[in-house]
Amino acid sequence: LVAEGKLDEALIDDAVKRILRVKFKMGLF
C-alpha cells in the first residue's frame, strides 16, 4: 500500500512509535 501511494508511511510511523513507546516504558530496551 505504501509502495503504491495508497497509504502514507507517516500513519505506519505513528503506529510503530506507539508500540515502541510501550516497550520503552516496560524497560524492555
ModelCIF file with pLDDT and N, C-alpha, C, O atoms, coordinates in Angstrom:
data_MODEL
#
_entry.id   MODEL 
#
_entity.id                         1 
_entity.type                       polymer 
_entity.pdbx_number_of_molecules   1 
#
_entity_poly.entity_id                      1 
_entity_poly.type                           'polypeptide(L)' 
_entity_poly.nstd_linkage                   no 
_entity_poly.nstd_monomer                   no 
_entity_poly.pdbx_seq_one_letter_code       LVAEGKLDEALIDDAVKRILRVKFKMGLF 
_entity_poly.pdbx_seq_one_letter_code_can   LVAEGKLDEALIDDAVKRILRVKFKMGLF 
_entity_poly.pdbx_strand_id                 A 
#
loop_
_entity_poly_seq.entity_id 
_entity_poly_seq.num 
_entity_poly_seq.mon_id 
_entity_poly_seq.hetero 
1 1  LEU n 
1 2  VAL n 
1 3  ALA n 
1 4  GLU n 
1 5  GLY n 
1 6  LYS n 
1 7  LEU n 
1 8  ASP n 
1 9  GLU n 
1 10 ALA n 
1 11 LEU n 
1 12 ILE n 
1 13 ASP n 
1 14 ASP n 
1 15 ALA n 
1 16 VAL n 
1 17 LYS n 
1 18 ARG n 
1 19 ILE n 
1 20 LEU n 
1 21 ARG n 
1 22 VAL n 
1 23 LYS n 
1 24 PHE n 
1 25 LYS n 
1 26 MET n 
1 27 GLY n 
1 28 LEU n 
1 29 PHE n 
#
_struct_asym.id          A 
_struct_asym.entity_id   1 
#
loop_
_ma_qa_metric.id 
_ma_qa_metric.mode 
_ma_qa_metric.name 
_ma_qa_metric.software_group_id 
_ma_qa_metric.type 
1 global pLDDT . pLDDT 
2 local  pLDDT . pLDDT 
#
_ma_qa_metric_global.metric_id      1 
_ma_qa_metric_global.metric_value   97.55 
_ma_qa_metric_global.model_id       1 
_ma_qa_metric_global.ordinal_id     1 
#
loop_
_ma_qa_metric_local.label_asym_id 
_ma_qa_metric_local.label_comp_id 
_ma_qa_metric_local.label_seq_id 
_ma_qa_metric_local.metric_id 
_ma_qa_metric_local.metric_value 
_ma_qa_metric_local.model_id 
_ma_qa_metric_local.ordinal_id 
A LEU 1  2 98.00 1 1  
A VAL 2  2 98.00 1 2  
A ALA 3  2 97.00 1 3  
A GLU 4  2 97.00 1 4  
A GLY 5  2 97.00 1 5  
A LYS 6  2 97.00 1 6  
A LEU 7  2 98.00 1 7  
A ASP 8  2 98.00 1 8  
A GLU 9  2 98.00 1 9  
A ALA 10 2 98.00 1 10 
A LEU 11 2 98.00 1 11 
A ILE 12 2 98.00 1 12 
A ASP 13 2 98.00 1 13 
A ASP 14 2 98.00 1 14 
A ALA 15 2 98.00 1 15 
A VAL 16 2 98.00 1 16 
A LYS 17 2 98.00 1 17 
A ARG 18 2 98.00 1 18 
A ILE 19 2 98.00 1 19 
A LEU 20 2 98.00 1 20 
A ARG 21 2 97.00 1 21 
A VAL 22 2 98.00 1 22 
A LYS 23 2 98.00 1 23 
A PHE 24 2 97.00 1 24 
A LYS 25 2 96.00 1 25 
A MET 26 2 97.00 1 26 
A GLY 27 2 96.00 1 27 
A LEU 28 2 97.00 1 28 
A PHE 29 2 97.00 1 29 
#
loop_
_atom_site.group_PDB 
_atom_site.id 
_atom_site.type_symbol 
_atom_site.label_atom_id 
_atom_site.label_alt_id 
_atom_site.label_comp_id 
_atom_site.label_asym_id 
_atom_site.label_entity_id 
_atom_site.label_seq_id 
_atom_site.pdbx_PDB_ins_code 
_atom_site.Cartn_x 
_atom_site.Cartn_y 
_atom_site.Cartn_z 
_atom_site.occupancy 
_atom_site.B_iso_or_equiv 
_atom_site.pdbx_formal_charge 
_atom_site.auth_seq_id 
_atom_site.auth_comp_id 
_atom_site.auth_asym_id 
_atom_site.auth_atom_id 
_atom_site.pdbx_PDB_model_num 
ATOM 1   N N  . LEU A 1 1  ? 0.820  -1.211 0.000  1.00 98.00 ? 1  LEU A N  1 
ATOM 2   C CA . LEU A 1 1  ? 0.000  0.000  0.000  1.00 98.00 ? 1  LEU A CA 1 
ATOM 3   C C  . LEU A 1 1  ? 0.856  1.263  0.000  1.00 98.00 ? 1  LEU A C  1 
ATOM 4   O O  . LEU A 1 1  ? 0.540  2.240  -0.680 1.00 98.00 ? 1  LEU A O  1 
ATOM 5   N N  . VAL A 1 2  ? 1.943  1.231  0.771  1.00 98.00 ? 2  VAL A N  1 
ATOM 6   C CA . VAL A 1 2  ? 2.849  2.379  0.785  1.00 98.00 ? 2  VAL A CA 1 
ATOM 7   C C  . VAL A 1 2  ? 3.532  2.531  -0.577 1.00 98.00 ? 2  VAL A C  1 
ATOM 8   O O  . VAL A 1 2  ? 3.637  3.640  -1.101 1.00 98.00 ? 2  VAL A O  1 
ATOM 9   N N  . ALA A 1 3  ? 3.988  1.431  -1.137 1.00 97.00 ? 3  ALA A N  1 
ATOM 10  C CA . ALA A 1 3  ? 4.681  1.467  -2.432 1.00 97.00 ? 3  ALA A CA 1 
ATOM 11  C C  . ALA A 1 3  ? 3.778  2.014  -3.534 1.00 97.00 ? 3  ALA A C  1 
ATOM 12  O O  . ALA A 1 3  ? 4.244  2.693  -4.449 1.00 97.00 ? 3  ALA A O  1 
ATOM 13  N N  . GLU A 1 4  ? 2.480  1.712  -3.440 1.00 97.00 ? 4  GLU A N  1 
ATOM 14  C CA . GLU A 1 4  ? 1.537  2.164  -4.459 1.00 97.00 ? 4  GLU A CA 1 
ATOM 15  C C  . GLU A 1 4  ? 1.009  3.564  -4.180 1.00 97.00 ? 4  GLU A C  1 
ATOM 16  O O  . GLU A 1 4  ? 0.215  4.096  -4.956 1.00 97.00 ? 4  GLU A O  1 
ATOM 17  N N  . GLY A 1 5  ? 1.443  4.161  -3.078 1.00 97.00 ? 5  GLY A N  1 
ATOM 18  C CA . GLY A 1 5  ? 0.995  5.503  -2.744 1.00 97.00 ? 5  GLY A CA 1 
ATOM 19  C C  . GLY A 1 5  ? -0.408 5.580  -2.177 1.00 97.00 ? 5  GLY A C  1 
ATOM 20  O O  . GLY A 1 5  ? -0.985 6.664  -2.091 1.00 97.00 ? 5  GLY A O  1 
ATOM 21  N N  . LYS A 1 6  ? -0.964 4.439  -1.788 1.00 97.00 ? 6  LYS A N  1 
ATOM 22  C CA . LYS A 1 6  ? -2.315 4.420  -1.220 1.00 97.00 ? 6  LYS A CA 1 
ATOM 23  C C  . LYS A 1 6  ? -2.323 4.663  0.288  1.00 97.00 ? 6  LYS A C  1 
ATOM 24  O O  . LYS A 1 6  ? -3.372 4.922  0.879  1.00 97.00 ? 6  LYS A O  1 
ATOM 25  N N  . LEU A 1 7  ? -1.141 4.578  0.903  1.00 98.00 ? 7  LEU A N  1 
ATOM 26  C CA . LEU A 1 7  ? -1.042 4.728  2.357  1.00 98.00 ? 7  LEU A CA 1 
ATOM 27  C C  . LEU A 1 7  ? 0.180  5.573  2.674  1.00 98.00 ? 7  LEU A C  1 
ATOM 28  O O  . LEU A 1 7  ? 1.286  5.291  2.213  1.00 98.00 ? 7  LEU A O  1 
ATOM 29  N N  . ASP A 1 8  ? -0.036 6.605  3.462  1.00 98.00 ? 8  ASP A N  1 
ATOM 30  C CA . ASP A 1 8  ? 1.054  7.477  3.889  1.00 98.00 ? 8  ASP A CA 1 
ATOM 31  C C  . ASP A 1 8  ? 1.882  6.752  4.945  1.00 98.00 ? 8  ASP A C  1 
ATOM 32  O O  . ASP A 1 8  ? 1.341  6.268  5.940  1.00 98.00 ? 8  ASP A O  1 
ATOM 33  N N  . GLU A 1 9  ? 3.197  6.677  4.727  1.00 98.00 ? 9  GLU A N  1 
ATOM 34  C CA . GLU A 1 9  ? 4.060  5.988  5.686  1.00 98.00 ? 9  GLU A CA 1 
ATOM 35  C C  . GLU A 1 9  ? 4.013  6.647  7.058  1.00 98.00 ? 9  GLU A C  1 
ATOM 36  O O  . GLU A 1 9  ? 4.343  6.013  8.061  1.00 98.00 ? 9  GLU A O  1 
ATOM 37  N N  . ALA A 1 10 ? 3.612  7.901  7.113  1.00 98.00 ? 10 ALA A N  1 
ATOM 38  C CA . ALA A 1 10 ? 3.508  8.590  8.403  1.00 98.00 ? 10 ALA A CA 1 
ATOM 39  C C  . ALA A 1 10 ? 2.504  7.895  9.323  1.00 98.00 ? 10 ALA A C  1 
ATOM 40  O O  . ALA A 1 10 ? 2.668  7.926  10.543 1.00 98.00 ? 10 ALA A O  1 
ATOM 41  N N  . LEU A 1 11 ? 1.468  7.269  8.760  1.00 98.00 ? 11 LEU A N  1 
ATOM 42  C CA . LEU A 1 11 ? 0.498  6.534  9.578  1.00 98.00 ? 11 LEU A CA 1 
ATOM 43  C C  . LEU A 1 11 ? 1.144  5.294  10.184 1.00 98.00 ? 11 LEU A C  1 
ATOM 44  O O  . LEU A 1 11 ? 0.869  4.936  11.329 1.00 98.00 ? 11 LEU A O  1 
ATOM 45  N N  . ILE A 1 12 ? 2.001  4.645  9.411  1.00 98.00 ? 12 ILE A N  1 
ATOM 46  C CA . ILE A 1 12 ? 2.736  3.494  9.940  1.00 98.00 ? 12 ILE A CA 1 
ATOM 47  C C  . ILE A 1 12 ? 3.717  3.957  11.009 1.00 98.00 ? 12 ILE A C  1 
ATOM 48  O O  . ILE A 1 12 ? 3.875  3.297  12.036 1.00 98.00 ? 12 ILE A O  1 
ATOM 49  N N  . ASP A 1 13 ? 4.369  5.075  10.775 1.00 98.00 ? 13 ASP A N  1 
ATOM 50  C CA . ASP A 1 13 ? 5.295  5.618  11.776 1.00 98.00 ? 13 ASP A CA 1 
ATOM 51  C C  . ASP A 1 13 ? 4.584  5.892  13.096 1.00 98.00 ? 13 ASP A C  1 
ATOM 52  O O  . ASP A 1 13 ? 5.117  5.610  14.169 1.00 98.00 ? 13 ASP A O  1 
ATOM 53  N N  . ASP A 1 14 ? 3.386  6.440  13.008 1.00 98.00 ? 14 ASP A N  1 
ATOM 54  C CA . ASP A 1 14 ? 2.621  6.730  14.225 1.00 98.00 ? 14 ASP A CA 1 
ATOM 55  C C  . ASP A 1 14 ? 2.322  5.454  15.000 1.00 98.00 ? 14 ASP A C  1 
ATOM 56  O O  . ASP A 1 14 ? 2.471  5.414  16.221 1.00 98.00 ? 14 ASP A O  1 
ATOM 57  N N  . ALA A 1 15 ? 1.899  4.411  14.288 1.00 98.00 ? 15 ALA A N  1 
ATOM 58  C CA . ALA A 1 15 ? 1.594  3.135  14.941 1.00 98.00 ? 15 ALA A CA 1 
ATOM 59  C C  . ALA A 1 15 ? 2.840  2.539  15.587 1.00 98.00 ? 15 ALA A C  1 
ATOM 60  O O  . ALA A 1 15 ? 2.786  2.079  16.728 1.00 98.00 ? 15 ALA A O  1 
ATOM 61  N N  . VAL A 1 16 ? 3.950  2.544  14.876 1.00 98.00 ? 16 VAL A N  1 
ATOM 62  C CA . VAL A 1 16 ? 5.182  1.948  15.395 1.00 98.00 ? 16 VAL A CA 1 
ATOM 63  C C  . VAL A 1 16 ? 5.698  2.730  16.594 1.00 98.00 ? 16 VAL A C  1 
ATOM 64  O O  . VAL A 1 16 ? 6.174  2.135  17.560 1.00 98.00 ? 16 VAL A O  1 
ATOM 65  N N  . LYS A 1 17 ? 5.612  4.047  16.544 1.00 98.00 ? 17 LYS A N  1 
ATOM 66  C CA . LYS A 1 17 ? 6.037  4.862  17.683 1.00 98.00 ? 17 LYS A CA 1 
ATOM 67  C C  . LYS A 1 17 ? 5.239  4.498  18.928 1.00 98.00 ? 17 LYS A C  1 
ATOM 68  O O  . LYS A 1 17 ? 5.788  4.439  20.028 1.00 98.00 ? 17 LYS A O  1 
ATOM 69  N N  . ARG A 1 18 ? 3.962  4.257  18.756 1.00 98.00 ? 18 ARG A N  1 
ATOM 70  C CA . ARG A 1 18 ? 3.109  3.898  19.893 1.00 98.00 ? 18 ARG A CA 1 
ATOM 71  C C  . ARG A 1 18 ? 3.538  2.549  20.480 1.00 98.00 ? 18 ARG A C  1 
ATOM 72  O O  . ARG A 1 18 ? 3.576  2.379  21.699 1.00 98.00 ? 18 ARG A O  1 
ATOM 73  N N  . ILE A 1 19 ? 3.854  1.606  19.615 1.00 98.00 ? 19 ILE A N  1 
ATOM 74  C CA . ILE A 1 19 ? 4.293  0.285  20.077 1.00 98.00 ? 19 ILE A CA 1 
ATOM 75  C C  . ILE A 1 19 ? 5.651  0.389  20.764 1.00 98.00 ? 19 ILE A C  1 
ATOM 76  O O  . ILE A 1 19 ? 5.849  -0.191 21.832 1.00 98.00 ? 19 ILE A O  1 
ATOM 77  N N  . LEU A 1 20 ? 6.573  1.112  20.171 1.00 98.00 ? 20 LEU A N  1 
ATOM 78  C CA . LEU A 1 20 ? 7.896  1.287  20.779 1.00 98.00 ? 20 LEU A CA 1 
ATOM 79  C C  . LEU A 1 20 ? 7.794  2.004  22.121 1.00 98.00 ? 20 LEU A C  1 
ATOM 80  O O  . LEU A 1 20 ? 8.511  1.675  23.066 1.00 98.00 ? 20 LEU A O  1 
ATOM 81  N N  . ARG A 1 21 ? 6.901  2.985  22.197 1.00 97.00 ? 21 ARG A N  1 
ATOM 82  C CA . ARG A 1 21 ? 6.734  3.742  23.442 1.00 97.00 ? 21 ARG A CA 1 
ATOM 83  C C  . ARG A 1 21 ? 6.387  2.810  24.606 1.00 97.00 ? 21 ARG A C  1 
ATOM 84  O O  . ARG A 1 21 ? 6.949  2.927  25.695 1.00 97.00 ? 21 ARG A O  1 
ATOM 85  N N  . VAL A 1 22 ? 5.461  1.890  24.364 1.00 98.00 ? 22 VAL A N  1 
ATOM 86  C CA . VAL A 1 22 ? 5.080  0.945  25.422 1.00 98.00 ? 22 VAL A CA 1 
ATOM 87  C C  . VAL A 1 22 ? 6.262  0.048  25.789 1.00 98.00 ? 22 VAL A C  1 
ATOM 88  O O  . VAL A 1 22 ? 6.489  -0.232 26.966 1.00 98.00 ? 22 VAL A O  1 
ATOM 89  N N  . LYS A 1 23 ? 7.007  -0.398 24.790 1.00 98.00 ? 23 LYS A N  1 
ATOM 90  C CA . LYS A 1 23 ? 8.158  -1.267 25.064 1.00 98.00 ? 23 LYS A CA 1 
ATOM 91  C C  . LYS A 1 23 ? 9.224  -0.538 25.868 1.00 98.00 ? 23 LYS A C  1 
ATOM 92  O O  . LYS A 1 23 ? 9.849  -1.121 26.754 1.00 98.00 ? 23 LYS A O  1 
ATOM 93  N N  . PHE A 1 24 ? 9.430  0.742  25.555 1.00 97.00 ? 24 PHE A N  1 
ATOM 94  C CA . PHE A 1 24 ? 10.384 1.516  26.350 1.00 97.00 ? 24 PHE A CA 1 
ATOM 95  C C  . PHE A 1 24 ? 9.889  1.683  27.782 1.00 97.00 ? 24 PHE A C  1 
ATOM 96  O O  . PHE A 1 24 ? 10.664 1.542  28.728 1.00 97.00 ? 24 PHE A O  1 
ATOM 97  N N  . LYS A 1 25 ? 8.605  1.981  27.943 1.00 96.00 ? 25 LYS A N  1 
ATOM 98  C CA . LYS A 1 25 ? 8.053  2.164  29.285 1.00 96.00 ? 25 LYS A CA 1 
ATOM 99  C C  . LYS A 1 25 ? 8.149  0.883  30.108 1.00 96.00 ? 25 LYS A C  1 
ATOM 100 O O  . LYS A 1 25 ? 8.282  0.932  31.331 1.00 96.00 ? 25 LYS A O  1 
ATOM 101 N N  . MET A 1 26 ? 8.083  -0.247 29.441 1.00 97.00 ? 26 MET A N  1 
ATOM 102 C CA . MET A 1 26 ? 8.206  -1.527 30.135 1.00 97.00 ? 26 MET A CA 1 
ATOM 103 C C  . MET A 1 26 ? 9.656  -1.863 30.466 1.00 97.00 ? 26 MET A C  1 
ATOM 104 O O  . MET A 1 26 ? 9.921  -2.830 31.182 1.00 97.00 ? 26 MET A O  1 
ATOM 105 N N  . GLY A 1 27 ? 10.593 -1.075 29.952 1.00 96.00 ? 27 GLY A N  1 
ATOM 106 C CA . GLY A 1 27 ? 12.008 -1.322 30.233 1.00 96.00 ? 27 GLY A CA 1 
ATOM 107 C C  . GLY A 1 27 ? 12.618 -2.421 29.404 1.00 96.00 ? 27 GLY A C  1 
ATOM 108 O O  . GLY A 1 27 ? 13.683 -2.935 29.746 1.00 96.00 ? 27 GLY A O  1 
ATOM 109 N N  . LEU A 1 28 ? 11.958 -2.798 28.308 1.00 97.00 ? 28 LEU A N  1 
ATOM 110 C CA . LEU A 1 28 ? 12.439 -3.926 27.510 1.00 97.00 ? 28 LEU A CA 1 
ATOM 111 C C  . LEU A 1 28 ? 13.697 -3.590 26.718 1.00 97.00 ? 28 LEU A C  1 
ATOM 112 O O  . LEU A 1 28 ? 14.512 -4.475 26.455 1.00 97.00 ? 28 LEU A O  1 
ATOM 113 N N  . PHE A 1 29 ? 13.867 -2.339 26.337 1.00 97.00 ? 29 PHE A N  1 
ATOM 114 C CA . PHE A 1 29 ? 15.087 -1.979 25.605 1.00 97.00 ? 29 PHE A CA 1 
ATOM 115 C C  . PHE A 1 29 ? 16.307 -2.032 26.519 1.00 97.00 ? 29 PHE A C  1 
ATOM 116 O O  . PHE A 1 29 ? 17.423 -1.760 26.076 1.00 97.00 ? 29 PHE A O  1 
#
